Amino acid sequence: MTILIIEDEEPAYRRLQKMLKELEPDHILLNQIVSISSAVKWFKENDAPDLIISDIQLSDGVSFEIFKQVDIKCPVIFTTAYDQYAIEAFKVNSIDYLLKPVKKEELEKAVAKFKALTPAAAAAPAIDINKLLQSLQPATGTEYKKRFVVRYGEHIKTIDIEEVVYFYTEDKATFLCTKDARRFVVDFNLDTLDSILDPKIFFRINRQYIISIHSIAEMFAYSKSRVLIKLNPAAKHETIVSTERSADFKLWLGDEK
């Protein structure tokens, strides 16, 4: 059995590698892929493996994008750290997923399910990538993300969008910050968030931050027509509206529609 792992977090990759060696000692681990771009390149240059194990959130976006660019006809076990969108999508599409950190017994069950597939089923798994991608997008132009499911320790909780003041990236992870200054990891990158948040309330000021109109405490003129923003609660980093976004930011501030 040949297996390809798509995972950009080295500890998670090593964990999967170790568990697979214990569960399937005769398997052949083909490679470690760490991004959408490298995955697309690999699939164009190599034969498909028997099985793919893929994280959902990679350094350059959501791994579902790989399946839009390359026709992949082999089963996939997805792994995800926090958010419910994957779980909802998998329930609709009958795809196996494992919540991180992946447990050995859960991986064993997923691999067993794969091995139980008939050759025909294994060659044409029921993965509706369009539905998976649609689960990341608002259904219409007026429906946006209303809540997030986050995980802290062994607990899972929901946070209504009204409680969120801004999102930011740090060390390849995306965080949301609440009104009471609590911070949680979310399983979306900023590009995806930018498409599922209400643009009347949230604005992406630069590559690192998306802020709520309600998070702005003070604003100051900055160099090159940029704007320095003081957020409430205070941000961990200096928050400056980038030059290319400054004009749109000022229009957004005055949008009363």
C-alpha atoms as a PDB file:
ATOM      1  CA  MET A   1       0.000   0.000   0.000  1.00  0.00           C
ATOM      2  CA  THR A   2       1.373   3.387  -1.012  1.00  0.00           C
ATOM      3  CA  ILE A   3       0.507   6.421   1.103  1.00  0.00           C
ATOM      4  CA  LEU A   4       1.067  10.126   0.476  1.00  0.00           C
ATOM      5  CA  ILE A   5       0.923  12.534   3.425  1.00  0.00           C
ATOM      6  CA  ILE A   6       0.009  16.196   2.828  1.00  0.00           C
ATOM      7  CA  GLU A   7       0.935  17.959   6.065  1.00  0.00           C
ATOM      8  CA  ASP A   8       2.979  21.122   6.716  1.00  0.00           C
ATOM      9  CA  GLU A   9       3.422  20.697  10.464  1.00  0.00           C
ATOM     10  CA  GLU A  10       6.516  18.582  11.076  1.00  0.00           C
ATOM     11  CA  PRO A  11       5.404  17.178  14.484  1.00  0.00           C
ATOM     12  CA  ALA A  12       2.055  16.108  13.015  1.00  0.00           C
ATOM     13  CA  TYR A  13       3.806  14.502  10.054  1.00  0.00           C
ATOM     14  CA  ARG A  14       6.218  12.598  12.308  1.00  0.00           C
ATOM     15  CA  ARG A  15       3.292  11.416  14.434  1.00  0.00           C
ATOM     16  CA  LEU A  16       1.432  10.057  11.394  1.00  0.00           C
ATOM     17  CA  GLN A  17       4.619   8.488  10.071  1.00  0.00           C
ATOM     18  CA  LYS A  18       5.237   6.671  13.371  1.00  0.00           C
ATOM     19  CA  MET A  19       1.655   5.432  13.731  1.00  0.00           C
ATOM     20  CA  LEU A  20       1.498   4.192  10.144  1.00  0.00           C
ATOM     21  CA  LYS A  21       4.741   2.290  10.625  1.00  0.00           C
ATOM     22  CA  GLU A  22       3.191   0.534  13.625  1.00  0.00           C
ATOM     23  CA  LEU A  23      -0.199  -0.090  11.994  1.00  0.00           C
ATOM     24  CA  GLU A  24       0.923  -0.917   8.460  1.00  0.00           C
ATOM     25  CA  PRO A  25       4.585  -1.999   8.557  1.00  0.00           C
ATOM     26  CA  ASP A  26       4.559  -3.005   4.883  1.00  0.00           C
ATOM     27  CA  HIS A  27       3.239   0.320   3.575  1.00  0.00           C
ATOM     28  CA  ILE A  28       5.343   2.576   1.357  1.00  0.00           C
ATOM     29  CA  LEU A  29       5.361   6.223   2.384  1.00  0.00           C
ATOM     30  CA  LEU A  30       5.820   8.145  -0.830  1.00  0.00           C
ATOM     31  CA  ASN A  31       6.466  11.683   0.311  1.00  0.00           C
ATOM     32  CA  GLN A  32       5.621  14.577   2.614  1.00  0.00           C
ATOM     33  CA  ILE A  33       3.862  17.402   0.793  1.00  0.00           C
ATOM     34  CA  VAL A  34       3.657  20.719   2.645  1.00  0.00           C
ATOM     35  CA  SER A  35       1.638  23.041   0.385  1.00  0.00           C
ATOM     36  CA  ILE A  36      -1.064  23.236  -2.274  1.00  0.00           C
ATOM     37  CA  SER A  37       1.421  24.265  -4.959  1.00  0.00           C
ATOM     38  CA  SER A  38       3.841  21.428  -4.226  1.00  0.00           C
ATOM     39  CA  ALA A  39       0.967  18.922  -4.079  1.00  0.00           C
ATOM     40  CA  VAL A  40      -0.339  19.971  -7.493  1.00  0.00           C
ATOM     41  CA  LYS A  41       3.178  19.657  -8.923  1.00  0.00           C
ATOM     42  CA  TRP A  42       3.652  16.222  -7.343  1.00  0.00           C
ATOM     43  CA  PHE A  43       0.381  14.837  -8.691  1.00  0.00           C
ATOM     44  CA  LYS A  44       1.168  16.085 -12.186  1.00  0.00           C
ATOM     45  CA  GLU A  45       4.518  14.313 -12.137  1.00  0.00           C
ATOM     46  CA  ASN A  46       3.669  11.066 -10.301  1.00  0.00           C
ATOM     47  CA  ASP A  47       1.125   8.253 -10.305  1.00  0.00           C
ATOM     48  CA  ALA A  48      -1.592   8.523  -7.672  1.00  0.00           C
ATOM     49  CA  PRO A  49      -0.972   6.676  -4.390  1.00  0.00           C
ATOM     50  CA  ASP A  50      -3.343   4.101  -2.951  1.00  0.00           C
ATOM     51  CA  LEU A  51      -4.279   6.465  -0.112  1.00  0.00           C
ATOM     52  CA  ILE A  52      -3.835  10.153   0.744  1.00  0.00           C
ATOM     53  CA  ILE A  53      -3.784  11.537   4.277  1.00  0.00           C
ATOM     54  CA  SER A  54      -4.159  15.304   4.092  1.00  0.00           C
ATOM     55  CA  ASP A  55      -4.412  18.168   6.541  1.00  0.00           C
ATOM     56  CA  ILE A  56      -7.113  20.674   5.595  1.00  0.00           C
ATOM     57  CA  GLN A  57      -5.267  23.883   6.429  1.00  0.00           C
ATOM     58  CA  LEU A  58      -1.891  24.213   4.690  1.00  0.00           C
ATOM     59  CA  SER A  59       0.544  27.100   4.646  1.00  0.00           C
ATOM     60  CA  ASP A  60      -0.819  28.450   1.345  1.00  0.00           C
ATOM     61  CA  GLY A  61      -4.527  27.753   1.788  1.00  0.00           C
ATOM     62  CA  VAL A  62      -7.177  25.040   2.152  1.00  0.00           C
ATOM     63  CA  SER A  63      -6.130  21.658   0.750  1.00  0.00           C
ATOM     64  CA  PHE A  64      -9.482  21.213  -1.013  1.00  0.00           C
ATOM     65  CA  GLU A  65      -8.016  23.555  -3.647  1.00  0.00           C
ATOM     66  CA  ILE A  66      -5.672  20.736  -4.740  1.00  0.00           C
ATOM     67  CA  PHE A  67      -8.661  18.751  -5.970  1.00  0.00           C
ATOM     68  CA  LYS A  68      -9.855  21.664  -8.070  1.00  0.00           C
ATOM     69  CA  GLN A  69      -6.556  21.745  -9.941  1.00  0.00           C
ATOM     70  CA  VAL A  70      -5.797  18.025 -10.240  1.00  0.00           C
ATOM     71  CA  ASP A  71      -8.125  15.099 -10.944  1.00  0.00           C
ATOM     72  CA  ILE A  72      -7.396  12.725  -8.046  1.00  0.00           C
ATOM     73  CA  LYS A  73      -9.143   9.354  -8.037  1.00  0.00           C
ATOM     74  CA  CYS A  74      -8.055   7.745  -4.797  1.00  0.00           C
ATOM     75  CA  PRO A  75      -9.433   7.796  -1.249  1.00  0.00           C
ATOM     76  CA  VAL A  76      -8.506  10.626   1.097  1.00  0.00           C
ATOM     77  CA  ILE A  77      -8.454  10.759   4.885  1.00  0.00           C
ATOM     78  CA  PHE A  78      -8.545  14.406   5.949  1.00  0.00           C
ATOM     79  CA  THR A  79      -7.244  15.721   9.261  1.00  0.00           C
ATOM     80  CA  THR A  80      -8.370  18.965  10.874  1.00  0.00           C
ATOM     81  CA  ALA A  81      -7.464  20.822  14.042  1.00  0.00           C
ATOM     82  CA  TYR A  82     -10.456  22.904  15.069  1.00  0.00           C
ATOM     83  CA  ASP A  83     -13.273  24.052  12.896  1.00  0.00           C
ATOM     84  CA  GLN A  84     -16.664  22.528  12.213  1.00  0.00           C
ATOM     85  CA  TYR A  85     -16.820  23.300   8.479  1.00  0.00           C
ATOM     86  CA  ALA A  86     -14.880  20.160   7.642  1.00  0.00           C
ATOM     87  CA  ILE A  87     -17.050  18.008   9.867  1.00  0.00           C
ATOM     88  CA  GLU A  88     -20.213  19.355   8.238  1.00  0.00           C
ATOM     89  CA  ALA A  89     -18.798  18.789   4.764  1.00  0.00           C
ATOM     90  CA  PHE A  90     -17.695  15.258   5.539  1.00  0.00           C
ATOM     91  CA  LYS A  91     -21.123  14.365   6.923  1.00  0.00           C
ATOM     92  CA  VAL A  92     -22.612  15.411   3.608  1.00  0.00           C
ATOM     93  CA  ASN A  93     -19.979  13.675   1.497  1.00  0.00           C
ATOM     94  CA  SER A  94     -19.240  10.575   3.610  1.00  0.00           C
ATOM     95  CA  ILE A  95     -15.503  11.295   3.805  1.00  0.00           C
ATOM     96  CA  ASP A  96     -13.351  10.160   6.698  1.00  0.00           C
ATOM     97  CA  TYR A  97     -11.770  12.871   8.820  1.00  0.00           C
ATOM     98  CA  LEU A  98      -9.606  12.756  11.933  1.00  0.00           C
ATOM     99  CA  LEU A  99      -9.453  15.477  14.548  1.00  0.00           C
ATOM    100  CA  LYS A 100      -5.956  16.573  15.524  1.00  0.00           C
ATOM    101  CA  PRO A 101      -3.971  15.446  17.378  1.00  0.00           C
ATOM    102  CA  VAL A 102      -4.677  12.211  15.524  1.00  0.00           C
ATOM    103  CA  LYS A 103      -5.139   9.212  17.795  1.00  0.00           C
ATOM    104  CA  LYS A 104      -3.713   5.851  16.814  1.00  0.00           C
ATOM    105  CA  GLU A 105      -6.982   3.961  17.249  1.00  0.00           C
ATOM    106  CA  GLU A 106      -8.847   6.467  15.060  1.00  0.00           C
ATOM    107  CA  LEU A 107      -6.215   6.269  12.341  1.00  0.00           C
ATOM    108  CA  GLU A 108      -6.409   2.486  12.539  1.00  0.00           C
ATOM    109  CA  LYS A 109     -10.186   2.569  12.006  1.00  0.00           C
ATOM    110  CA  ALA A 110      -9.865   4.963   9.069  1.00  0.00           C
ATOM    111  CA  VAL A 111      -7.211   2.811   7.388  1.00  0.00           C
ATOM    112  CA  ALA A 112      -9.350  -0.282   7.999  1.00  0.00           C
ATOM    113  CA  LYS A 113     -12.292   1.435   6.317  1.00  0.00           C
ATOM    114  CA  PHE A 114     -10.073   2.237   3.355  1.00  0.00           C
ATOM    115  CA  LYS A 115      -8.871  -1.373   3.113  1.00  0.00           C
ATOM    116  CA  ALA A 116     -12.487  -2.581   3.191  1.00  0.00           C
ATOM    117  CA  LEU A 117     -13.371  -0.607   0.078  1.00  0.00           C
ATOM    118  CA  THR A 118     -13.999  -2.560  -3.082  1.00  0.00           C
ATOM    119  CA  PRO A 119     -11.539  -1.854  -5.930  1.00  0.00           C
ATOM    120  CA  ALA A 120     -14.243   0.085  -7.780  1.00  0.00           C
ATOM    121  CA  ALA A 121     -15.056   2.216  -4.750  1.00  0.00           C
ATOM    122  CA  ALA A 122     -11.392   2.875  -4.061  1.00  0.00           C
ATOM    123  CA  ALA A 123     -10.867   3.986  -7.647  1.00  0.00           C
ATOM    124  CA  ALA A 124     -13.749   6.452  -7.548  1.00  0.00           C
ATOM    125  CA  PRO A 125     -14.389   7.742  -4.020  1.00  0.00           C
ATOM    126  CA  ALA A 126     -17.462   9.919  -3.442  1.00  0.00           C
ATOM    127  CA  ILE A 127     -15.635  13.178  -2.901  1.00  0.00           C
ATOM    128  CA  ASP A 128     -17.694  16.135  -4.002  1.00  0.00           C
ATOM    129  CA  ILE A 129     -15.030  18.834  -3.928  1.00  0.00           C
ATOM    130  CA  ASN A 130     -17.441  21.502  -5.117  1.00  0.00           C
ATOM    131  CA  LYS A 131     -19.628  20.915  -2.058  1.00  0.00           C
ATOM    132  CA  LEU A 132     -16.595  20.982   0.183  1.00  0.00           C
ATOM    133  CA  LEU A 133     -15.516  24.317  -1.247  1.00  0.00           C
ATOM    134  CA  GLN A 134     -19.043  25.691  -1.071  1.00  0.00           C
ATOM    135  CA  SER A 135     -19.071  24.920   2.646  1.00  0.00           C
ATOM    136  CA  LEU A 136     -16.400  27.606   3.004  1.00  0.00           C
ATOM    137  CA  GLN A 137     -18.452  30.231   1.190  1.00  0.00           C
ATOM    138  CA  PRO A 138     -21.656  32.090   2.039  1.00  0.00           C
ATOM    139  CA  ALA A 139     -24.619  30.541   0.242  1.00  0.00           C
ATOM    140  CA  THR A 140     -25.770  33.930  -1.042  1.00  0.00           C
ATOM    141  CA  GLY A 141     -24.413  37.429  -1.094  1.00  0.00           C
ATOM    142  CA  THR A 142     -26.083  38.233   2.230  1.00  0.00           C
ATOM    143  CA  GLU A 143     -25.291  35.098   4.276  1.00  0.00           C
ATOM    144  CA  TYR A 144     -21.993  35.176   6.134  1.00  0.00           C
ATOM    145  CA  LYS A 145     -20.278  33.219   8.860  1.00  0.00           C
ATOM    146  CA  LYS A 146     -22.329  33.451  12.059  1.00  0.00           C
ATOM    147  CA  ARG A 147     -20.213  31.482  14.531  1.00  0.00           C
ATOM    148  CA  PHE A 148     -16.971  29.589  14.912  1.00  0.00           C
ATOM    149  CA  VAL A 149     -16.267  26.331  16.678  1.00  0.00           C
ATOM    150  CA  VAL A 150     -12.965  26.483  18.549  1.00  0.00           C
ATOM    151  CA  ARG A 151     -11.038  24.044  20.652  1.00  0.00           C
ATOM    152  CA  TYR A 152      -9.033  24.746  23.775  1.00  0.00           C
ATOM    153  CA  GLY A 153      -7.461  21.861  25.602  1.00  0.00           C
ATOM    154  CA  GLU A 154      -9.989  19.031  25.614  1.00  0.00           C
ATOM    155  CA  HIS A 155     -12.934  21.415  25.315  1.00  0.00           C
ATOM    156  CA  ILE A 156     -14.877  22.561  22.267  1.00  0.00           C
ATOM    157  CA  LYS A 157     -17.049  25.689  22.262  1.00  0.00           C
ATOM    158  CA  THR A 158     -18.815  28.025  19.866  1.00  0.00           C
ATOM    159  CA  ILE A 159     -18.141  31.731  19.522  1.00  0.00           C
ATOM    160  CA  ASP A 160     -20.733  33.970  17.882  1.00  0.00           C
ATOM    161  CA  ILE A 161     -19.391  36.339  15.272  1.00  0.00           C
ATOM    162  CA  GLU A 162     -20.658  39.296  17.348  1.00  0.00           C
ATOM    163  CA  GLU A 163     -18.041  38.392  19.986  1.00  0.00           C
ATOM    164  CA  VAL A 164     -15.134  38.517  17.522  1.00  0.00           C
ATOM    165  CA  VAL A 165     -13.187  41.767  17.194  1.00  0.00           C
ATOM    166  CA  TYR A 166     -10.379  40.721  14.879  1.00  0.00           C
ATOM    167  CA  PHE A 167      -8.450  37.872  13.273  1.00  0.00           C
ATOM    168  CA  TYR A 168      -4.697  37.664  12.782  1.00  0.00           C
ATOM    169  CA  THR A 169      -1.956  35.266  11.715  1.00  0.00           C
ATOM    170  CA  GLU A 170       1.078  34.262  13.720  1.00  0.00           C
ATOM    171  CA  ASP A 171       3.525  31.368  13.237  1.00  0.00           C
ATOM    172  CA  LYS A 172       1.454  29.906  10.374  1.00  0.00           C
ATOM    173  CA  ALA A 173      -1.680  29.778  12.537  1.00  0.00           C
ATOM    174  CA  THR A 174      -4.798  31.968  12.386  1.00  0.00           C
ATOM    175  CA  PHE A 175      -6.306  33.344  15.589  1.00  0.00           C
ATOM    176  CA  LEU A 176      -9.516  35.126  16.471  1.00  0.00           C
ATOM    177  CA  CYS A 177      -9.692  37.578  19.363  1.00  0.00           C
ATOM    178  CA  THR A 178     -12.885  38.151  21.310  1.00  0.00           C
ATOM    179  CA  LYS A 179     -14.207  41.272  23.034  1.00  0.00           C
ATOM    180  CA  ASP A 180     -12.876  39.999  26.352  1.00  0.00           C
ATOM    181  CA  ALA A 181      -9.372  39.494  24.877  1.00  0.00           C
ATOM    182  CA  ARG A 182      -9.483  35.701  24.623  1.00  0.00           C
ATOM    183  CA  ARG A 183      -7.630  34.239  21.663  1.00  0.00           C
ATOM    184  CA  PHE A 184      -8.410  30.963  19.872  1.00  0.00           C
ATOM    185  CA  VAL A 185      -7.001  29.190  16.843  1.00  0.00           C
ATOM    186  CA  VAL A 186      -9.359  28.807  13.880  1.00  0.00           C
ATOM    187  CA  ASP A 187      -8.978  26.456  10.935  1.00  0.00           C
ATOM    188  CA  PHE A 188      -9.305  29.159   8.267  1.00  0.00           C
ATOM    189  CA  ASN A 189      -6.628  31.296   6.669  1.00  0.00           C
ATOM    190  CA  LEU A 190      -7.205  35.026   6.164  1.00  0.00           C
ATOM    191  CA  ASP A 191      -7.981  34.615   2.453  1.00  0.00           C
ATOM    192  CA  THR A 192     -10.868  32.287   3.280  1.00  0.00           C
ATOM    193  CA  LEU A 193     -12.051  34.451   6.162  1.00  0.00           C
ATOM    194  CA  ASP A 194     -12.080  37.454   3.865  1.00  0.00           C
ATOM    195  CA  SER A 195     -14.683  35.670   1.716  1.00  0.00           C
ATOM    196  CA  ILE A 196     -16.967  34.378   4.493  1.00  0.00           C
ATOM    197  CA  LEU A 197     -17.126  37.425   6.794  1.00  0.00           C
ATOM    198  CA  ASP A 198     -19.609  40.268   6.385  1.00  0.00           C
ATOM    199  CA  PRO A 199     -17.639  42.997   4.544  1.00  0.00           C
ATOM    200  CA  LYS A 200     -19.704  45.712   6.211  1.00  0.00           C
ATOM    201  CA  ILE A 201     -18.357  44.631   9.594  1.00  0.00           C
ATOM    202  CA  PHE A 202     -14.913  43.194   8.826  1.00  0.00           C
ATOM    203  CA  PHE A 203     -12.056  44.590   6.753  1.00  0.00           C
ATOM    204  CA  ARG A 204      -8.653  43.134   5.930  1.00  0.00           C
ATOM    205  CA  ILE A 205      -6.215  45.945   6.684  1.00  0.00           C
ATOM    206  CA  ASN A 206      -3.038  44.068   5.683  1.00  0.00           C
ATOM    207  CA  ARG A 207      -1.641  40.582   5.185  1.00  0.00           C
ATOM    208  CA  GLN A 208      -1.786  39.809   8.901  1.00  0.00           C
ATOM    209  CA  TYR A 209      -5.053  41.298  10.226  1.00  0.00           C
ATOM    210  CA  ILE A 210      -8.787  41.367   9.530  1.00  0.00           C
ATOM    211  CA  ILE A 211     -10.527  43.740  11.934  1.00  0.00           C
ATOM    212  CA  SER A 212     -14.087  44.491  12.960  1.00  0.00           C
ATOM    213  CA  ILE A 213     -15.415  48.037  12.766  1.00  0.00           C
ATOM    214  CA  HIS A 214     -16.211  47.625  16.480  1.00  0.00           C
ATOM    215  CA  SER A 215     -12.577  46.876  17.361  1.00  0.00           C
ATOM    216  CA  ILE A 216     -11.243  50.309  16.427  1.00  0.00           C
ATOM    217  CA  ALA A 217     -10.314  52.401  19.466  1.00  0.00           C
ATOM    218  CA  GLU A 218      -8.230  55.115  17.789  1.00  0.00           C
ATOM    219  CA  MET A 219      -6.811  55.945  14.356  1.00  0.00           C
ATOM    220  CA  PHE A 220      -3.817  58.058  13.382  1.00  0.00           C
ATOM    221  CA  ALA A 221      -2.430  59.328  10.096  1.00  0.00           C
ATOM    222  CA  TYR A 222       0.717  57.429   9.158  1.00  0.00           C
ATOM    223  CA  SER A 223       3.344  57.682   6.428  1.00  0.00           C
ATOM    224  CA  LYS A 224       2.481  57.167   2.735  1.00  0.00           C
ATOM    225  CA  SER A 225      -1.242  57.778   3.327  1.00  0.00           C
ATOM    226  CA  ARG A 226      -1.459  54.784   5.620  1.00  0.00           C
ATOM    227  CA  VAL A 227      -3.481  54.611   8.830  1.00  0.00           C
ATOM    228  CA  LEU A 228      -2.249  53.406  12.216  1.00  0.00           C
ATOM    229  CA  ILE A 229      -5.012  51.730  14.212  1.00  0.00           C
ATOM    230  CA  LYS A 230      -5.221  51.104  17.930  1.00  0.00           C
ATOM    231  CA  LEU A 231      -7.465  48.115  18.570  1.00  0.00           C
ATOM    232  CA  ASN A 232      -9.547  47.231  21.603  1.00  0.00           C
ATOM    233  CA  PRO A 233      -8.556  44.774  22.986  1.00  0.00           C
ATOM    234  CA  ALA A 234      -4.979  45.712  22.124  1.00  0.00           C
ATOM    235  CA  ALA A 235      -3.319  43.689  19.376  1.00  0.00           C
ATOM    236  CA  LYS A 236      -0.062  41.835  19.826  1.00  0.00           C
ATOM    237  CA  HIS A 237       1.399  43.550  16.754  1.00  0.00           C
ATOM    238  CA  GLU A 238       1.422  47.035  15.283  1.00  0.00           C
ATOM    239  CA  THR A 239      -1.700  47.322  13.127  1.00  0.00           C
ATOM    240  CA  ILE A 240      -1.243  49.582  10.110  1.00  0.00           C
ATOM    241  CA  VAL A 241      -3.476  49.684   7.062  1.00  0.00           C
ATOM    242  CA  SER A 242      -1.290  48.820   4.074  1.00  0.00           C
ATOM    243  CA  THR A 243      -0.784  51.397   1.339  1.00  0.00           C
ATOM    244  CA  GLU A 244      -2.743  49.409  -1.260  1.00  0.00           C
ATOM    245  CA  ARG A 245      -5.717  49.035   1.112  1.00  0.00           C
ATOM    246  CA  SER A 246      -5.826  52.558   2.534  1.00  0.00           C
ATOM    247  CA  ALA A 247      -8.244  54.027   0.000  1.00  0.00           C
ATOM    248  CA  ASP A 248     -10.708  51.130   0.325  1.00  0.00           C
ATOM    249  CA  PHE A 249     -10.355  51.274   4.108  1.00  0.00           C
ATOM    250  CA  LYS A 250     -11.441  54.903   4.211  1.00  0.00           C
ATOM    251  CA  LEU A 251     -14.425  54.083   1.986  1.00  0.00           C
ATOM    252  CA  TRP A 252     -15.288  51.175   4.293  1.00  0.00           C
ATOM    253  CA  LEU A 253     -15.222  53.453   7.346  1.00  0.00           C
ATOM    254  CA  GLY A 254     -17.804  55.707   5.762  1.00  0.00           C
ATOM    255  CA  ASP A 255     -20.078  52.950   4.459  1.00  0.00           C
ATOM    256  CA  GLU A 256     -23.469  53.495   6.096  1.00  0.00           C
ATOM    257  CA  LYS A 257     -25.500  51.229   3.825  1.00  0.00           C
END
